[in-house]
Amino acid sequence: MNIKILHIDSNHPLLWEQLQQAGFINHEDFASSKAEIEAKIHDYQGIVIRSRFKIDKTFLDKATNLQFIARVGAGLESIDCDCALSKNIQLIAAPEGNRNAVAEHSLGMILSLFNNLNQADNEIKSGHWNREKNRGHELDGKTVGIIGYGNMGKSFAKKLRGFEVKVLCYDILENVGDENARQVSLKELQQKTDVLSLHIPWTPETNKMVNTDFINAFAKPFWIINTSRGRNIVTDELVQAMKTGKILGAGLDVLEYEKLSFETLFQDKNTPEAFQYLLNAKNVILTPHIAGWTFESHERLAQVIVDKIKEKYHLN
């Protein structure tokens, strides 16, 4: 076998090691520009990426021998999927690899919001012992609505089995409900939900989905958790709903302001007003896109990618 794979992002070492053991030829390039990678991509049958740059038509037109693109993650929005498929390039992702991590993170955010854990912790460390002010809510008896019932949504619903809650799910696909969640229309979900959790990709259909009209269609005030993609929520309109009490609290692992790299977050002097509100709000928990970012998922994501590449070449 003479299959050459270019790795343009670092990943768990097992990915490289197991592909090498299976007979693939691995090359790495974590530093070159997109244009420099494009100049040599014709030499490769496979590429392994995370999110360093977009795999667009320009890139794919130069990848004349490419047989697969493997993204070590769940989403494929950084790839021109239609163009790749038209060139018979297989797209490989690994939502199975971090679904458990995302589910646990989502549950942790809900419990922390309900019980004011972050706020109470900060107050005690500042010398304040406020019990009544931090009286919490219980999840039992609530209705949890899940939008997007694929790998992530299903895993989250499974985590909720230990609670006395009703779990509803809405998805564009039919018949995806299971013993952990009853599939309903979006209208029914909006009528009954107390806690909303988003587990959807970023697509033209989901872009800016959570806006004022969407929020106001909910019958009750509700909490919202987003571990999917930041651009699925219009932050300005989310904040307006928090100010009116329509949204009771938010756990946001992703933000619409995210770029490919968000490391300069606090160096930017032009912080959007809505983002400043989130930074100061006591009923908001923010995490830096780490819901699927555990030590265990780091290894599991790599293993899923290895297994799928080997399966493509009938090596399992």
C-alpha atoms as a PDB file:
ATOM      1  CA  MET A   1       0.000   0.000   0.000  1.00  0.00           C
ATOM      2  CA  ASN A   2       1.284   3.427  -0.948  1.00  0.00           C
ATOM      3  CA  ILE A   3      -1.290   5.744   0.631  1.00  0.00           C
ATOM      4  CA  LYS A   4       0.268   9.037   1.742  1.00  0.00           C
ATOM      5  CA  ILE A   5      -1.526  11.050   4.441  1.00  0.00           C
ATOM      6  CA  LEU A   6      -0.764  14.669   5.291  1.00  0.00           C
ATOM      7  CA  HIS A   7      -1.482  15.726   8.886  1.00  0.00           C
ATOM      8  CA  ILE A   8      -1.915  19.497   9.130  1.00  0.00           C
ATOM      9  CA  ASP A   9      -2.957  19.654  12.806  1.00  0.00           C
ATOM     10  CA  SER A  10      -1.523  17.879  15.849  1.00  0.00           C
ATOM     11  CA  ASN A  11      -3.640  15.106  17.349  1.00  0.00           C
ATOM     12  CA  HIS A  12      -3.327  12.279  19.849  1.00  0.00           C
ATOM     13  CA  PRO A  13      -0.179  10.279  18.957  1.00  0.00           C
ATOM     14  CA  LEU A  14      -2.129   7.020  18.594  1.00  0.00           C
ATOM     15  CA  LEU A  15      -3.578   8.335  15.326  1.00  0.00           C
ATOM     16  CA  TRP A  16      -0.159   8.608  13.690  1.00  0.00           C
ATOM     17  CA  GLU A  17       1.144   5.404  15.277  1.00  0.00           C
ATOM     18  CA  GLN A  18      -1.774   3.175  14.315  1.00  0.00           C
ATOM     19  CA  LEU A  19      -1.936   4.497  10.750  1.00  0.00           C
ATOM     20  CA  GLN A  20       1.777   3.837  10.398  1.00  0.00           C
ATOM     21  CA  GLN A  21       1.370   0.318  11.764  1.00  0.00           C
ATOM     22  CA  ALA A  22      -1.397  -0.271   9.218  1.00  0.00           C
ATOM     23  CA  GLY A  23       0.969   0.628   6.377  1.00  0.00           C
ATOM     24  CA  PHE A  24       0.034   4.244   5.638  1.00  0.00           C
ATOM     25  CA  ILE A  25       2.769   6.816   4.976  1.00  0.00           C
ATOM     26  CA  ASN A  26       2.392   9.778   7.353  1.00  0.00           C
ATOM     27  CA  HIS A  27       3.709  13.293   6.744  1.00  0.00           C
ATOM     28  CA  GLU A  28       3.069  16.298   8.969  1.00  0.00           C
ATOM     29  CA  ASP A  29       3.019  20.025   8.278  1.00  0.00           C
ATOM     30  CA  PHE A  30       1.662  22.127  11.126  1.00  0.00           C
ATOM     31  CA  ALA A  31       3.246  25.431  10.076  1.00  0.00           C
ATOM     32  CA  SER A  32       2.881  26.068   6.337  1.00  0.00           C
ATOM     33  CA  SER A  33       0.304  28.465   4.945  1.00  0.00           C
ATOM     34  CA  LYS A  34      -2.786  27.248   3.114  1.00  0.00           C
ATOM     35  CA  ALA A  35      -1.169  28.230  -0.199  1.00  0.00           C
ATOM     36  CA  GLU A  36       1.976  26.253   0.649  1.00  0.00           C
ATOM     37  CA  ILE A  37      -0.114  23.190   1.528  1.00  0.00           C
ATOM     38  CA  GLU A  38      -2.070  23.599  -1.725  1.00  0.00           C
ATOM     39  CA  ALA A  39       1.180  23.521  -3.687  1.00  0.00           C
ATOM     40  CA  LYS A  40       1.926  19.974  -2.525  1.00  0.00           C
ATOM     41  CA  ILE A  41      -1.482  18.456  -1.735  1.00  0.00           C
ATOM     42  CA  HIS A  42      -1.543  16.671  -5.119  1.00  0.00           C
ATOM     43  CA  ASP A  43       1.032  14.259  -3.664  1.00  0.00           C
ATOM     44  CA  TYR A  44      -1.401  12.953  -1.036  1.00  0.00           C
ATOM     45  CA  GLN A  45      -4.298  10.525  -0.985  1.00  0.00           C
ATOM     46  CA  GLY A  46      -5.475  11.570   2.477  1.00  0.00           C
ATOM     47  CA  ILE A  47      -5.463  14.586   4.762  1.00  0.00           C
ATOM     48  CA  VAL A  48      -6.129  14.763   8.509  1.00  0.00           C
ATOM     49  CA  ILE A  49      -7.310  18.118   9.855  1.00  0.00           C
ATOM     50  CA  ARG A  50      -8.918  19.821  12.817  1.00  0.00           C
ATOM     51  CA  SER A  51      -9.688  23.477  12.111  1.00  0.00           C
ATOM     52  CA  ARG A  52      -6.502  25.217  10.915  1.00  0.00           C
ATOM     53  CA  PHE A  53      -8.016  26.515   7.687  1.00  0.00           C
ATOM     54  CA  LYS A  54     -10.968  25.958   5.400  1.00  0.00           C
ATOM     55  CA  ILE A  55     -10.832  23.190   2.812  1.00  0.00           C
ATOM     56  CA  ASP A  56     -12.469  25.135  -0.031  1.00  0.00           C
ATOM     57  CA  LYS A  57     -12.858  24.641  -3.790  1.00  0.00           C
ATOM     58  CA  THR A  58      -9.456  26.231  -4.496  1.00  0.00           C
ATOM     59  CA  PHE A  59      -7.811  23.698  -2.209  1.00  0.00           C
ATOM     60  CA  LEU A  60      -9.807  20.760  -3.541  1.00  0.00           C
ATOM     61  CA  ASP A  61      -9.109  21.629  -7.186  1.00  0.00           C
ATOM     62  CA  LYS A  62      -5.401  21.201  -6.437  1.00  0.00           C
ATOM     63  CA  ALA A  63      -5.896  17.988  -4.456  1.00  0.00           C
ATOM     64  CA  THR A  64      -6.053  15.887  -7.606  1.00  0.00           C
ATOM     65  CA  ASN A  65      -5.248  12.567  -5.920  1.00  0.00           C
ATOM     66  CA  LEU A  66      -7.129  13.055  -2.666  1.00  0.00           C
ATOM     67  CA  GLN A  67      -9.282  10.102  -1.627  1.00  0.00           C
ATOM     68  CA  PHE A  68     -10.407  11.240   1.837  1.00  0.00           C
ATOM     69  CA  ILE A  69     -10.501  14.161   4.262  1.00  0.00           C
ATOM     70  CA  ALA A  70     -10.576  13.139   7.928  1.00  0.00           C
ATOM     71  CA  ARG A  71     -11.621  15.795  10.433  1.00  0.00           C
ATOM     72  CA  VAL A  72     -10.755  14.970  14.031  1.00  0.00           C
ATOM     73  CA  GLY A  73     -13.982  16.401  15.412  1.00  0.00           C
ATOM     74  CA  ALA A  74     -17.720  16.290  14.904  1.00  0.00           C
ATOM     75  CA  GLY A  75     -18.540  19.005  12.357  1.00  0.00           C
ATOM     76  CA  LEU A  76     -17.587  19.369   8.707  1.00  0.00           C
ATOM     77  CA  GLU A  77     -18.532  23.023   8.208  1.00  0.00           C
ATOM     78  CA  SER A  78     -14.918  24.017   7.463  1.00  0.00           C
ATOM     79  CA  ILE A  79     -15.009  21.811   4.343  1.00  0.00           C
ATOM     80  CA  ASP A  80     -16.760  22.474   1.022  1.00  0.00           C
ATOM     81  CA  CYS A  81     -18.541  19.144   1.305  1.00  0.00           C
ATOM     82  CA  ASP A  82     -20.447  19.359  -1.991  1.00  0.00           C
ATOM     83  CA  CYS A  83     -17.264  20.056  -3.929  1.00  0.00           C
ATOM     84  CA  ALA A  84     -15.381  17.251  -2.157  1.00  0.00           C
ATOM     85  CA  LEU A  85     -18.141  14.718  -2.787  1.00  0.00           C
ATOM     86  CA  SER A  86     -18.350  15.748  -6.460  1.00  0.00           C
ATOM     87  CA  LYS A  87     -14.690  14.723  -6.709  1.00  0.00           C
ATOM     88  CA  ASN A  88     -15.403  11.379  -4.978  1.00  0.00           C
ATOM     89  CA  ILE A  89     -13.460  12.414  -1.899  1.00  0.00           C
ATOM     90  CA  GLN A  90     -14.777  10.646   1.195  1.00  0.00           C
ATOM     91  CA  LEU A  91     -15.504  12.850   4.218  1.00  0.00           C
ATOM     92  CA  ILE A  92     -14.696  11.324   7.590  1.00  0.00           C
ATOM     93  CA  ALA A  93     -15.650  12.860  10.948  1.00  0.00           C
ATOM     94  CA  ALA A  94     -15.777  11.539  14.501  1.00  0.00           C
ATOM     95  CA  PRO A  95     -18.895  12.685  16.362  1.00  0.00           C
ATOM     96  CA  GLU A  96     -18.840   9.375  18.217  1.00  0.00           C
ATOM     97  CA  GLY A  97     -15.484  10.374  19.707  1.00  0.00           C
ATOM     98  CA  ASN A  98     -16.618  13.311  21.836  1.00  0.00           C
ATOM     99  CA  ARG A  99     -20.358  12.788  22.258  1.00  0.00           C
ATOM    100  CA  ASN A 100     -19.975  11.610  25.862  1.00  0.00           C
ATOM    101  CA  ALA A 101     -17.800  14.593  26.752  1.00  0.00           C
ATOM    102  CA  VAL A 102     -20.341  17.014  25.245  1.00  0.00           C
ATOM    103  CA  ALA A 103     -23.203  15.314  27.094  1.00  0.00           C
ATOM    104  CA  GLU A 104     -21.444  15.511  30.463  1.00  0.00           C
ATOM    105  CA  HIS A 105     -20.498  19.152  29.894  1.00  0.00           C
ATOM    106  CA  SER A 106     -24.094  20.054  28.998  1.00  0.00           C
ATOM    107  CA  LEU A 107     -25.399  18.393  32.151  1.00  0.00           C
ATOM    108  CA  GLY A 108     -22.729  20.080  34.253  1.00  0.00           C
ATOM    109  CA  MET A 109     -23.739  23.479  32.896  1.00  0.00           C
ATOM    110  CA  ILE A 110     -27.396  22.902  33.761  1.00  0.00           C
ATOM    111  CA  LEU A 111     -26.651  21.789  37.314  1.00  0.00           C
ATOM    112  CA  SER A 112     -24.267  24.676  37.871  1.00  0.00           C
ATOM    113  CA  LEU A 113     -26.799  27.218  36.593  1.00  0.00           C
ATOM    114  CA  PHE A 114     -29.644  25.720  38.625  1.00  0.00           C
ATOM    115  CA  ASN A 115     -27.633  25.717  41.843  1.00  0.00           C
ATOM    116  CA  ASN A 116     -25.674  28.964  41.375  1.00  0.00           C
ATOM    117  CA  LEU A 117     -22.442  27.033  41.847  1.00  0.00           C
ATOM    118  CA  ASN A 118     -20.168  29.491  40.040  1.00  0.00           C
ATOM    119  CA  GLN A 119     -21.753  32.531  41.679  1.00  0.00           C
ATOM    120  CA  ALA A 120     -21.717  31.010  45.180  1.00  0.00           C
ATOM    121  CA  ASP A 121     -18.098  29.926  44.786  1.00  0.00           C
ATOM    122  CA  ASN A 122     -17.028  33.416  43.731  1.00  0.00           C
ATOM    123  CA  GLU A 123     -18.957  35.029  46.585  1.00  0.00           C
ATOM    124  CA  ILE A 124     -17.432  32.807  49.263  1.00  0.00           C
ATOM    125  CA  LYS A 125     -13.948  33.419  47.876  1.00  0.00           C
ATOM    126  CA  SER A 126     -14.717  37.146  48.112  1.00  0.00           C
ATOM    127  CA  GLY A 127     -15.761  36.802  51.758  1.00  0.00           C
ATOM    128  CA  HIS A 128     -19.555  36.654  51.349  1.00  0.00           C
ATOM    129  CA  TRP A 129     -21.742  33.875  52.796  1.00  0.00           C
ATOM    130  CA  ASN A 130     -25.098  34.312  51.017  1.00  0.00           C
ATOM    131  CA  ARG A 131     -27.452  31.375  51.450  1.00  0.00           C
ATOM    132  CA  GLU A 132     -30.889  32.752  50.552  1.00  0.00           C
ATOM    133  CA  LYS A 133     -29.536  34.633  47.545  1.00  0.00           C
ATOM    134  CA  ASN A 134     -28.159  31.354  46.198  1.00  0.00           C
ATOM    135  CA  ARG A 135     -31.234  29.194  46.734  1.00  0.00           C
ATOM    136  CA  GLY A 136     -31.309  26.870  43.735  1.00  0.00           C
ATOM    137  CA  HIS A 137     -33.686  24.998  41.478  1.00  0.00           C
ATOM    138  CA  GLU A 138     -34.062  21.244  41.026  1.00  0.00           C
ATOM    139  CA  LEU A 139     -33.970  19.554  37.644  1.00  0.00           C
ATOM    140  CA  ASP A 140     -36.530  16.930  38.687  1.00  0.00           C
ATOM    141  CA  GLY A 141     -39.988  17.742  37.367  1.00  0.00           C
ATOM    142  CA  LYS A 142     -38.673  19.882  34.518  1.00  0.00           C
ATOM    143  CA  THR A 143     -39.016  19.285  30.789  1.00  0.00           C
ATOM    144  CA  VAL A 144     -35.764  19.275  28.824  1.00  0.00           C
ATOM    145  CA  GLY A 145     -35.979  20.035  25.117  1.00  0.00           C
ATOM    146  CA  ILE A 146     -33.172  18.886  22.853  1.00  0.00           C
ATOM    147  CA  ILE A 147     -32.816  20.319  19.353  1.00  0.00           C
ATOM    148  CA  GLY A 148     -30.660  18.058  17.204  1.00  0.00           C
ATOM    149  CA  TYR A 149     -30.963  14.371  18.044  1.00  0.00           C
ATOM    150  CA  GLY A 150     -27.840  12.852  16.550  1.00  0.00           C
ATOM    151  CA  ASN A 151     -24.760  11.607  18.377  1.00  0.00           C
ATOM    152  CA  MET A 152     -24.577  14.530  20.813  1.00  0.00           C
ATOM    153  CA  GLY A 153     -28.298  14.886  21.493  1.00  0.00           C
ATOM    154  CA  LYS A 154     -28.769  11.165  22.077  1.00  0.00           C
ATOM    155  CA  SER A 155     -25.800  11.006  24.433  1.00  0.00           C
ATOM    156  CA  PHE A 156     -27.117  13.968  26.433  1.00  0.00           C
ATOM    157  CA  ALA A 157     -30.594  12.420  26.708  1.00  0.00           C
ATOM    158  CA  LYS A 158     -29.024   9.229  28.038  1.00  0.00           C
ATOM    159  CA  LYS A 159     -27.297  11.224  30.799  1.00  0.00           C
ATOM    160  CA  LEU A 160     -30.682  12.569  31.911  1.00  0.00           C
ATOM    161  CA  ARG A 161     -32.063   9.106  32.679  1.00  0.00           C
ATOM    162  CA  GLY A 162     -31.088   9.436  36.330  1.00  0.00           C
ATOM    163  CA  PHE A 163     -33.372  12.451  36.764  1.00  0.00           C
ATOM    164  CA  GLU A 164     -37.148  12.613  37.022  1.00  0.00           C
ATOM    165  CA  VAL A 165     -37.470  14.756  33.903  1.00  0.00           C
ATOM    166  CA  LYS A 166     -39.417  14.670  30.660  1.00  0.00           C
ATOM    167  CA  VAL A 167     -37.123  14.758  27.635  1.00  0.00           C
ATOM    168  CA  LEU A 168     -38.364  15.946  24.246  1.00  0.00           C
ATOM    169  CA  CYS A 169     -36.364  16.084  21.048  1.00  0.00           C
ATOM    170  CA  TYR A 170     -36.764  17.860  17.725  1.00  0.00           C
ATOM    171  CA  ASP A 171     -34.794  16.964  14.611  1.00  0.00           C
ATOM    172  CA  ILE A 172     -35.122  17.515  10.860  1.00  0.00           C
ATOM    173  CA  LEU A 173     -34.930  13.730  10.428  1.00  0.00           C
ATOM    174  CA  GLU A 174     -37.975  11.623  11.191  1.00  0.00           C
ATOM    175  CA  ASN A 175     -38.152   8.712  13.630  1.00  0.00           C
ATOM    176  CA  VAL A 176     -34.974   9.485  15.587  1.00  0.00           C
ATOM    177  CA  GLY A 177     -36.606   9.490  19.016  1.00  0.00           C
ATOM    178  CA  ASP A 178     -35.828   6.592  21.338  1.00  0.00           C
ATOM    179  CA  GLU A 179     -36.423   5.341  24.874  1.00  0.00           C
ATOM    180  CA  ASN A 180     -34.594   8.415  26.237  1.00  0.00           C
ATOM    181  CA  ALA A 181     -36.452  11.179  24.380  1.00  0.00           C
ATOM    182  CA  ARG A 182     -39.808  11.562  22.679  1.00  0.00           C
ATOM    183  CA  GLN A 183     -39.613  13.191  19.268  1.00  0.00           C
ATOM    184  CA  VAL A 184     -42.040  16.081  18.859  1.00  0.00           C
ATOM    185  CA  SER A 185     -42.678  19.023  16.564  1.00  0.00           C
ATOM    186  CA  LEU A 186     -40.746  22.222  17.169  1.00  0.00           C
ATOM    187  CA  LYS A 187     -44.015  23.848  18.213  1.00  0.00           C
ATOM    188  CA  GLU A 188     -44.667  21.240  20.911  1.00  0.00           C
ATOM    189  CA  LEU A 189     -41.099  21.458  22.146  1.00  0.00           C
ATOM    190  CA  GLN A 190     -41.451  25.234  22.457  1.00  0.00           C
ATOM    191  CA  GLN A 191     -44.737  24.839  24.356  1.00  0.00           C
ATOM    192  CA  LYS A 192     -43.356  22.504  27.020  1.00  0.00           C
ATOM    193  CA  THR A 193     -39.628  23.118  27.473  1.00  0.00           C
ATOM    194  CA  ASP A 194     -38.045  24.430  30.685  1.00  0.00           C
ATOM    195  CA  VAL A 195     -34.442  23.773  29.634  1.00  0.00           C
ATOM    196  CA  LEU A 196     -33.309  23.929  26.005  1.00  0.00           C
ATOM    197  CA  SER A 197     -30.103  22.261  24.854  1.00  0.00           C
ATOM    198  CA  LEU A 198     -28.745  22.726  21.323  1.00  0.00           C
ATOM    199  CA  HIS A 199     -26.914  19.843  19.629  1.00  0.00           C
ATOM    200  CA  ILE A 200     -27.047  20.942  15.992  1.00  0.00           C
ATOM    201  CA  PRO A 201     -24.406  21.565  13.327  1.00  0.00           C
ATOM    202  CA  TRP A 202     -23.874  24.987  11.814  1.00  0.00           C
ATOM    203  CA  THR A 203     -25.675  25.034   8.464  1.00  0.00           C
ATOM    204  CA  PRO A 204     -27.611  27.633   6.454  1.00  0.00           C
ATOM    205  CA  GLU A 205     -30.763  26.288   8.166  1.00  0.00           C
ATOM    206  CA  THR A 206     -29.414  26.621  11.712  1.00  0.00           C
ATOM    207  CA  ASN A 207     -27.466  29.864  11.224  1.00  0.00           C
ATOM    208  CA  LYS A 208     -28.939  32.487  13.620  1.00  0.00           C
ATOM    209  CA  MET A 209     -31.782  30.085  14.398  1.00  0.00           C
ATOM    210  CA  VAL A 210     -32.132  31.242  18.008  1.00  0.00           C
ATOM    211  CA  ASN A 211     -33.396  34.784  17.503  1.00  0.00           C
ATOM    212  CA  THR A 212     -36.166  36.884  19.048  1.00  0.00           C
ATOM    213  CA  ASP A 213     -38.982  35.173  17.148  1.00  0.00           C
ATOM    214  CA  PHE A 214     -37.659  31.726  18.045  1.00  0.00           C
ATOM    215  CA  ILE A 215     -37.272  32.653  21.722  1.00  0.00           C
ATOM    216  CA  ASN A 216     -40.697  34.278  21.978  1.00  0.00           C
ATOM    217  CA  ALA A 217     -42.339  31.136  20.581  1.00  0.00           C
ATOM    218  CA  PHE A 218     -41.554  29.379  23.883  1.00  0.00           C
ATOM    219  CA  ALA A 219     -44.533  29.308  26.206  1.00  0.00           C
ATOM    220  CA  LYS A 220     -42.474  29.544  29.412  1.00  0.00           C
ATOM    221  CA  PRO A 221     -39.303  31.295  30.506  1.00  0.00           C
ATOM    222  CA  PHE A 222     -36.447  28.829  29.992  1.00  0.00           C
ATOM    223  CA  TRP A 223     -32.769  28.111  30.454  1.00  0.00           C
ATOM    224  CA  ILE A 224     -30.594  27.555  27.384  1.00  0.00           C
ATOM    225  CA  ILE A 225     -27.449  25.479  26.886  1.00  0.00           C
ATOM    226  CA  ASN A 226     -25.379  25.722  23.711  1.00  0.00           C
ATOM    227  CA  THR A 227     -22.539  23.273  23.109  1.00  0.00           C
ATOM    228  CA  SER A 228     -23.111  23.195  19.339  1.00  0.00           C
ATOM    229  CA  ARG A 229     -21.985  26.218  17.297  1.00  0.00           C
ATOM    230  CA  GLY A 230     -21.911  29.856  18.330  1.00  0.00           C
ATOM    231  CA  ARG A 231     -23.492  31.202  15.174  1.00  0.00           C
ATOM    232  CA  ASN A 232     -26.658  29.239  15.843  1.00  0.00           C
ATOM    233  CA  ILE A 233     -27.597  31.971  18.356  1.00  0.00           C
ATOM    234  CA  VAL A 234     -28.016  35.708  17.736  1.00  0.00           C
ATOM    235  CA  THR A 235     -26.247  36.946  20.868  1.00  0.00           C
ATOM    236  CA  ASP A 236     -27.812  40.418  20.871  1.00  0.00           C
ATOM    237  CA  GLU A 237     -31.303  38.893  20.847  1.00  0.00           C
ATOM    238  CA  LEU A 238     -30.374  36.275  23.444  1.00  0.00           C
ATOM    239  CA  VAL A 239     -29.228  39.066  25.764  1.00  0.00           C
ATOM    240  CA  GLN A 240     -32.441  41.030  25.207  1.00  0.00           C
ATOM    241  CA  ALA A 241     -34.421  37.924  26.227  1.00  0.00           C
ATOM    242  CA  MET A 242     -32.274  37.555  29.346  1.00  0.00           C
ATOM    243  CA  LYS A 243     -32.957  41.183  30.285  1.00  0.00           C
ATOM    244  CA  THR A 244     -36.715  40.621  30.051  1.00  0.00           C
ATOM    245  CA  GLY A 245     -36.561  37.337  31.978  1.00  0.00           C
ATOM    246  CA  LYS A 246     -37.705  35.202  29.046  1.00  0.00           C
ATOM    247  CA  ILE A 247     -34.391  33.366  29.267  1.00  0.00           C
ATOM    248  CA  LEU A 248     -33.561  32.524  32.871  1.00  0.00           C
ATOM    249  CA  GLY A 249     -29.927  31.616  32.368  1.00  0.00           C
ATOM    250  CA  ALA A 250     -27.457  30.490  29.714  1.00  0.00           C
ATOM    251  CA  GLY A 251     -24.608  28.009  29.550  1.00  0.00           C
ATOM    252  CA  LEU A 252     -22.580  28.826  26.448  1.00  0.00           C
ATOM    253  CA  ASP A 253     -19.596  26.753  25.403  1.00  0.00           C
ATOM    254  CA  VAL A 254     -19.553  28.432  21.989  1.00  0.00           C
ATOM    255  CA  LEU A 255     -20.020  32.046  20.913  1.00  0.00           C
ATOM    256  CA  GLU A 256     -20.968  33.673  17.649  1.00  0.00           C
ATOM    257  CA  TYR A 257     -17.861  35.858  17.967  1.00  0.00           C
ATOM    258  CA  GLU A 258     -15.534  32.870  17.678  1.00  0.00           C
ATOM    259  CA  LYS A 259     -12.995  32.900  14.907  1.00  0.00           C
ATOM    260  CA  LEU A 260     -10.853  29.921  13.978  1.00  0.00           C
ATOM    261  CA  SER A 261      -8.668  31.039  16.867  1.00  0.00           C
ATOM    262  CA  PHE A 262     -10.124  32.854  19.869  1.00  0.00           C
ATOM    263  CA  GLU A 263      -6.932  33.231  21.875  1.00  0.00           C
ATOM    264  CA  THR A 264      -6.915  37.059  21.662  1.00  0.00           C
ATOM    265  CA  LEU A 265     -10.356  37.308  23.270  1.00  0.00           C
ATOM    266  CA  PHE A 266      -9.409  39.697  26.084  1.00  0.00           C
ATOM    267  CA  GLN A 267      -6.976  41.756  24.014  1.00  0.00           C
ATOM    268  CA  ASP A 268      -9.713  43.095  21.752  1.00  0.00           C
ATOM    269  CA  LYS A 269     -10.742  46.596  22.849  1.00  0.00           C
ATOM    270  CA  ASN A 270     -13.955  46.476  20.800  1.00  0.00           C
ATOM    271  CA  THR A 271     -15.889  43.976  22.916  1.00  0.00           C
ATOM    272  CA  PRO A 272     -19.464  43.740  21.586  1.00  0.00           C
ATOM    273  CA  GLU A 273     -22.005  45.123  24.069  1.00  0.00           C
ATOM    274  CA  ALA A 274     -23.947  41.852  24.207  1.00  0.00           C
ATOM    275  CA  PHE A 275     -20.764  39.923  24.939  1.00  0.00           C
ATOM    276  CA  GLN A 276     -19.901  42.357  27.726  1.00  0.00           C
ATOM    277  CA  TYR A 277     -23.319  41.626  29.251  1.00  0.00           C
ATOM    278  CA  LEU A 278     -22.596  37.880  29.170  1.00  0.00           C
ATOM    279  CA  LEU A 279     -19.220  38.436  30.834  1.00  0.00           C
ATOM    280  CA  ASN A 280     -20.867  40.294  33.726  1.00  0.00           C
ATOM    281  CA  ALA A 281     -24.110  38.307  34.116  1.00  0.00           C
ATOM    282  CA  LYS A 282     -24.350  36.026  37.135  1.00  0.00           C
ATOM    283  CA  ASN A 283     -26.798  33.676  35.423  1.00  0.00           C
ATOM    284  CA  VAL A 284     -24.404  32.946  32.549  1.00  0.00           C
ATOM    285  CA  ILE A 285     -21.672  30.317  32.383  1.00  0.00           C
ATOM    286  CA  LEU A 286     -19.114  30.636  29.596  1.00  0.00           C
ATOM    287  CA  THR A 287     -16.551  28.019  28.603  1.00  0.00           C
ATOM    288  CA  PRO A 288     -14.031  28.258  25.726  1.00  0.00           C
ATOM    289  CA  HIS A 289     -15.405  25.638  23.290  1.00  0.00           C
ATOM    290  CA  ILE A 290     -14.272  22.754  25.495  1.00  0.00           C
ATOM    291  CA  ALA A 291     -17.437  20.654  25.814  1.00  0.00           C
ATOM    292  CA  GLY A 292     -15.917  17.917  23.685  1.00  0.00           C
ATOM    293  CA  TRP A 293     -12.360  18.633  24.824  1.00  0.00           C
ATOM    294  CA  THR A 294     -11.530  16.033  27.475  1.00  0.00           C
ATOM    295  CA  PHE A 295      -8.482  13.831  27.871  1.00  0.00           C
ATOM    296  CA  GLU A 296     -10.670  10.835  27.095  1.00  0.00           C
ATOM    297  CA  SER A 297     -12.250  12.368  23.996  1.00  0.00           C
ATOM    298  CA  HIS A 298      -8.823  13.439  22.698  1.00  0.00           C
ATOM    299  CA  GLU A 299      -7.903   9.763  22.521  1.00  0.00           C
ATOM    300  CA  ARG A 300     -11.339   8.547  21.433  1.00  0.00           C
ATOM    301  CA  LEU A 301     -11.583  11.036  18.542  1.00  0.00           C
ATOM    302  CA  ALA A 302      -8.235   9.846  17.200  1.00  0.00           C
ATOM    303  CA  GLN A 303      -9.250   6.203  17.524  1.00  0.00           C
ATOM    304  CA  VAL A 304     -12.530   6.746  15.657  1.00  0.00           C
ATOM    305  CA  ILE A 305     -10.653   8.455  12.795  1.00  0.00           C
ATOM    306  CA  VAL A 306      -8.097   5.637  12.593  1.00  0.00           C
ATOM    307  CA  ASP A 307     -10.830   3.013  12.553  1.00  0.00           C
ATOM    308  CA  LYS A 308     -12.764   4.796   9.792  1.00  0.00           C
ATOM    309  CA  ILE A 309      -9.680   5.284   7.602  1.00  0.00           C
ATOM    310  CA  LYS A 310      -8.772   1.626   8.003  1.00  0.00           C
ATOM    311  CA  GLU A 311     -12.344   0.645   7.221  1.00  0.00           C
ATOM    312  CA  LYS A 312     -12.209   2.657   3.978  1.00  0.00           C
ATOM    313  CA  TYR A 313      -9.260   0.551   2.846  1.00  0.00           C
ATOM    314  CA  HIS A 314     -10.743  -2.710   4.243  1.00  0.00           C
ATOM    315  CA  LEU A 315      -8.004  -3.035   6.847  1.00  0.00           C
ATOM    316  CA  ASN A 316     -10.226  -3.723   9.887  1.00  0.00           C
END
